Structures are given as C-alpha cells and as structure tokens.
C-alpha cells in the first residue's frame, strides 16, 4: 500500500534528476504497462502515456524531467519534482499525487505579521 510516508520518501529519495535519461529504468514501463497504458517514447524524448487524456499535462512528459521510475507490487511510480504519477499494472487506472507547498519560515513570519491575519 502506498501511504503518505511512502510518497514523502519517494520525494526525498529522488529529489534530483539523474544525470541522463539513460539512467532511468524505462524498461519497467514497457515490461509492465504496455498492454494497459499504451506507453510510447516519441522522437523528441518525451514519454507518452496514452491512458491519460491528451489535454492533461501528464500525458506527455519530457524524459529529462523524470527523477525516477519505481516499481511497487501493483503500480509503477513516475517521480517528478512536484508530482508522482502512479500507474496501475493490472488496468488503465492512474493516480497523480501533487506535492503541496509547505510554507517556509519567512512565509510563516510574514503571515503572522500581515494585517489580514
């Protein structure tokens, strides 16, 4: 089961992109998701996830923006800087986690001192 703790660990573990897209485990996508998500890579080095609607910003991803591709028992996670795409292995369902901005110390201080607070 993928919990908030697992998600936080993914963001911390893969906070930096690899030096090259060749270091990503792209084979995981083709081995596990071809039948359910119709994964492709175009000539411009973009990952295309055809199970996600064309109008979505997660339909077409530049490979150099992907931090990691991680396998779980029933899902494959595509880790980006501020989001994670979870693709089911058994069907075409997907789930996208968007990282929430945590206020910095300066943000908290500014909010306390602002007259609207």
C-alpha atoms as a PDB file:
ATOM      1  CA  UNK A   1       0.000   0.000   0.000  1.00  0.00           C
ATOM      2  CA  UNK A   2       1.262   3.426  -0.904  1.00  0.00           C
ATOM      3  CA  UNK A   3       0.952   5.734   2.084  1.00  0.00           C
ATOM      4  CA  UNK A   4       1.839   9.393   2.624  1.00  0.00           C
ATOM      5  CA  UNK A   5       5.059   8.219   4.263  1.00  0.00           C
ATOM      6  CA  UNK A   6       5.977   6.241   1.132  1.00  0.00           C
ATOM      7  CA  UNK A   7       5.189   9.271  -1.031  1.00  0.00           C
ATOM      8  CA  UNK A   8       7.328  11.547   1.161  1.00  0.00           C
ATOM      9  CA  UNK A   9      10.155   9.008   0.943  1.00  0.00           C
ATOM     10  CA  UNK A  10       9.928   8.987  -2.863  1.00  0.00           C
ATOM     11  CA  UNK A  11      10.215  12.784  -2.994  1.00  0.00           C
ATOM     12  CA  UNK A  12      13.190  12.763  -0.606  1.00  0.00           C
ATOM     13  CA  UNK A  13      14.980   9.816  -2.201  1.00  0.00           C
ATOM     14  CA  UNK A  14      14.589  11.126  -5.747  1.00  0.00           C
ATOM     15  CA  UNK A  15      14.834  14.865  -5.153  1.00  0.00           C
ATOM     16  CA  UNK A  16      17.351  15.234  -8.001  1.00  0.00           C
ATOM     17  CA  UNK A  17      17.067  14.166 -11.613  1.00  0.00           C
ATOM     18  CA  UNK A  18      19.578  11.633 -12.899  1.00  0.00           C
ATOM     19  CA  UNK A  19      22.452  12.983 -14.981  1.00  0.00           C
ATOM     20  CA  UNK A  20      20.937  11.361 -18.057  1.00  0.00           C
ATOM     21  CA  UNK A  21      17.597   9.830 -19.030  1.00  0.00           C
ATOM     22  CA  UNK A  22      19.581   6.657 -19.782  1.00  0.00           C
ATOM     23  CA  UNK A  23      19.808   6.100 -16.012  1.00  0.00           C
ATOM     24  CA  UNK A  24      16.006   5.786 -15.692  1.00  0.00           C
ATOM     25  CA  UNK A  25      14.546   2.294 -15.526  1.00  0.00           C
ATOM     26  CA  UNK A  26      12.364   2.854 -18.587  1.00  0.00           C
ATOM     27  CA  UNK A  27      12.207  -0.897 -19.194  1.00  0.00           C
ATOM     28  CA  UNK A  28       9.835  -1.145 -16.193  1.00  0.00           C
ATOM     29  CA  UNK A  29       7.260   0.851 -18.131  1.00  0.00           C
ATOM     30  CA  UNK A  30       7.429  -1.306 -21.235  1.00  0.00           C
ATOM     31  CA  UNK A  31       7.570  -4.604 -19.328  1.00  0.00           C
ATOM     32  CA  UNK A  32       4.593  -3.850 -17.075  1.00  0.00           C
ATOM     33  CA  UNK A  33       2.389  -1.216 -18.703  1.00  0.00           C
ATOM     34  CA  UNK A  34       2.331  -1.666 -22.476  1.00  0.00           C
ATOM     35  CA  UNK A  35      -0.991  -3.516 -22.527  1.00  0.00           C
ATOM     36  CA  UNK A  36      -2.780  -1.265 -20.046  1.00  0.00           C
ATOM     37  CA  UNK A  37      -1.402   2.243 -20.599  1.00  0.00           C
ATOM     38  CA  UNK A  38      -0.045   2.226 -24.174  1.00  0.00           C
ATOM     39  CA  UNK A  39       3.307   3.755 -23.241  1.00  0.00           C
ATOM     40  CA  UNK A  40       5.476   5.237 -26.006  1.00  0.00           C
ATOM     41  CA  UNK A  41       8.527   7.437 -26.405  1.00  0.00           C
ATOM     42  CA  UNK A  42       8.469   9.941 -29.263  1.00  0.00           C
ATOM     43  CA  UNK A  43      11.334  11.282 -31.391  1.00  0.00           C
ATOM     44  CA  UNK A  44      11.757  14.302 -29.102  1.00  0.00           C
ATOM     45  CA  UNK A  45      12.481  12.141 -25.999  1.00  0.00           C
ATOM     46  CA  UNK A  46       9.028  12.509 -24.463  1.00  0.00           C
ATOM     47  CA  UNK A  47       7.245   9.755 -22.586  1.00  0.00           C
ATOM     48  CA  UNK A  48       3.669   9.452 -23.859  1.00  0.00           C
ATOM     49  CA  UNK A  49       1.080   7.860 -21.532  1.00  0.00           C
ATOM     50  CA  UNK A  50      -1.934   7.224 -23.746  1.00  0.00           C
ATOM     51  CA  UNK A  51      -4.185   6.182 -20.855  1.00  0.00           C
ATOM     52  CA  UNK A  52      -4.024   9.777 -19.585  1.00  0.00           C
ATOM     53  CA  UNK A  53      -6.120  12.272 -21.605  1.00  0.00           C
ATOM     54  CA  UNK A  54      -4.280  14.300 -24.242  1.00  0.00           C
ATOM     55  CA  UNK A  55      -5.223  17.604 -22.572  1.00  0.00           C
ATOM     56  CA  UNK A  56      -3.539  16.631 -19.303  1.00  0.00           C
ATOM     57  CA  UNK A  57      -0.037  17.949 -18.555  1.00  0.00           C
ATOM     58  CA  UNK A  58       0.821  14.385 -17.516  1.00  0.00           C
ATOM     59  CA  UNK A  59       0.015  12.835 -20.907  1.00  0.00           C
ATOM     60  CA  UNK A  60       3.387  13.804 -22.449  1.00  0.00           C
ATOM     61  CA  UNK A  61       6.469  14.133 -20.229  1.00  0.00           C
ATOM     62  CA  UNK A  62       9.985  15.103 -21.177  1.00  0.00           C
ATOM     63  CA  UNK A  63      12.319  12.281 -20.150  1.00  0.00           C
ATOM     64  CA  UNK A  64      14.820  14.774 -18.738  1.00  0.00           C
ATOM     65  CA  UNK A  65      12.144  15.961 -16.232  1.00  0.00           C
ATOM     66  CA  UNK A  66      11.623  12.495 -14.733  1.00  0.00           C
ATOM     67  CA  UNK A  67      13.510  11.884 -11.494  1.00  0.00           C
ATOM     68  CA  UNK A  68      12.850   8.142 -11.190  1.00  0.00           C
ATOM     69  CA  UNK A  69      10.679   5.222 -12.224  1.00  0.00           C
ATOM     70  CA  UNK A  70       9.923   2.970  -9.263  1.00  0.00           C
ATOM     71  CA  UNK A  71       8.110  -0.367  -9.165  1.00  0.00           C
ATOM     72  CA  UNK A  72       5.641  -1.366  -6.475  1.00  0.00           C
ATOM     73  CA  UNK A  73       3.628  -4.560  -6.214  1.00  0.00           C
ATOM     74  CA  UNK A  74       0.616  -3.272  -8.202  1.00  0.00           C
ATOM     75  CA  UNK A  75       1.824   0.083  -9.514  1.00  0.00           C
ATOM     76  CA  UNK A  76       4.654   1.848 -11.267  1.00  0.00           C
ATOM     77  CA  UNK A  77       5.525   5.325  -9.978  1.00  0.00           C
ATOM     78  CA  UNK A  78       6.944   8.034 -12.215  1.00  0.00           C
ATOM     79  CA  UNK A  79       8.555  10.543  -9.861  1.00  0.00           C
ATOM     80  CA  UNK A  80       8.783  14.168 -10.963  1.00  0.00           C
ATOM     81  CA  UNK A  81       9.915  17.225  -8.967  1.00  0.00           C
ATOM     82  CA  UNK A  82       6.499  18.174  -7.609  1.00  0.00           C
ATOM     83  CA  UNK A  83       4.295  15.238  -8.544  1.00  0.00           C
ATOM     84  CA  UNK A  84       4.198  11.477  -8.818  1.00  0.00           C
ATOM     85  CA  UNK A  85       2.201   9.549 -11.388  1.00  0.00           C
ATOM     86  CA  UNK A  86       1.068   6.132 -10.167  1.00  0.00           C
ATOM     87  CA  UNK A  87       0.075   3.790 -12.990  1.00  0.00           C
ATOM     88  CA  UNK A  88      -1.754   0.541 -12.184  1.00  0.00           C
ATOM     89  CA  UNK A  89      -0.184  -2.606 -13.617  1.00  0.00           C
ATOM     90  CA  UNK A  90      -3.455  -4.527 -13.993  1.00  0.00           C
ATOM     91  CA  UNK A  91      -5.667  -1.878 -15.665  1.00  0.00           C
ATOM     92  CA  UNK A  92      -5.517   1.595 -17.180  1.00  0.00           C
ATOM     93  CA  UNK A  93      -6.250   3.492 -13.967  1.00  0.00           C
ATOM     94  CA  UNK A  94      -3.793   6.104 -12.781  1.00  0.00           C
ATOM     95  CA  UNK A  95      -3.424   8.375  -9.778  1.00  0.00           C
ATOM     96  CA  UNK A  96      -1.442  11.580  -9.619  1.00  0.00           C
ATOM     97  CA  UNK A  97      -0.070  12.958  -6.369  1.00  0.00           C
ATOM     98  CA  UNK A  98       0.722  16.668  -6.445  1.00  0.00           C
ATOM     99  CA  UNK A  99       3.113  17.874  -3.790  1.00  0.00           C
ATOM    100  CA  UNK A 100       1.735  20.614  -1.581  1.00  0.00           C
ATOM    101  CA  UNK A 101       3.878  23.660  -0.994  1.00  0.00           C
ATOM    102  CA  UNK A 102       4.958  23.844   2.638  1.00  0.00           C
ATOM    103  CA  UNK A 103       5.332  27.419   3.885  1.00  0.00           C
ATOM    104  CA  UNK A 104       8.875  28.461   4.716  1.00  0.00           C
ATOM    105  CA  UNK A 105       9.844  30.143   7.950  1.00  0.00           C
ATOM    106  CA  UNK A 106       9.724  33.514   6.148  1.00  0.00           C
ATOM    107  CA  UNK A 107       6.217  32.747   4.824  1.00  0.00           C
ATOM    108  CA  UNK A 108       5.005  31.906   8.318  1.00  0.00           C
ATOM    109  CA  UNK A 109       6.555  35.049   9.759  1.00  0.00           C
ATOM    110  CA  UNK A 110       5.109  37.226   7.003  1.00  0.00           C
ATOM    111  CA  UNK A 111       1.649  35.695   7.500  1.00  0.00           C
ATOM    112  CA  UNK A 112       1.755  36.387  11.236  1.00  0.00           C
ATOM    113  CA  UNK A 113       2.786  39.990  10.737  1.00  0.00           C
ATOM    114  CA  UNK A 114       0.371  40.800   7.922  1.00  0.00           C
ATOM    115  CA  UNK A 115      -2.623  42.947   8.979  1.00  0.00           C
ATOM    116  CA  UNK A 116      -5.138  40.472   7.461  1.00  0.00           C
ATOM    117  CA  UNK A 117      -4.049  37.616   9.720  1.00  0.00           C
END
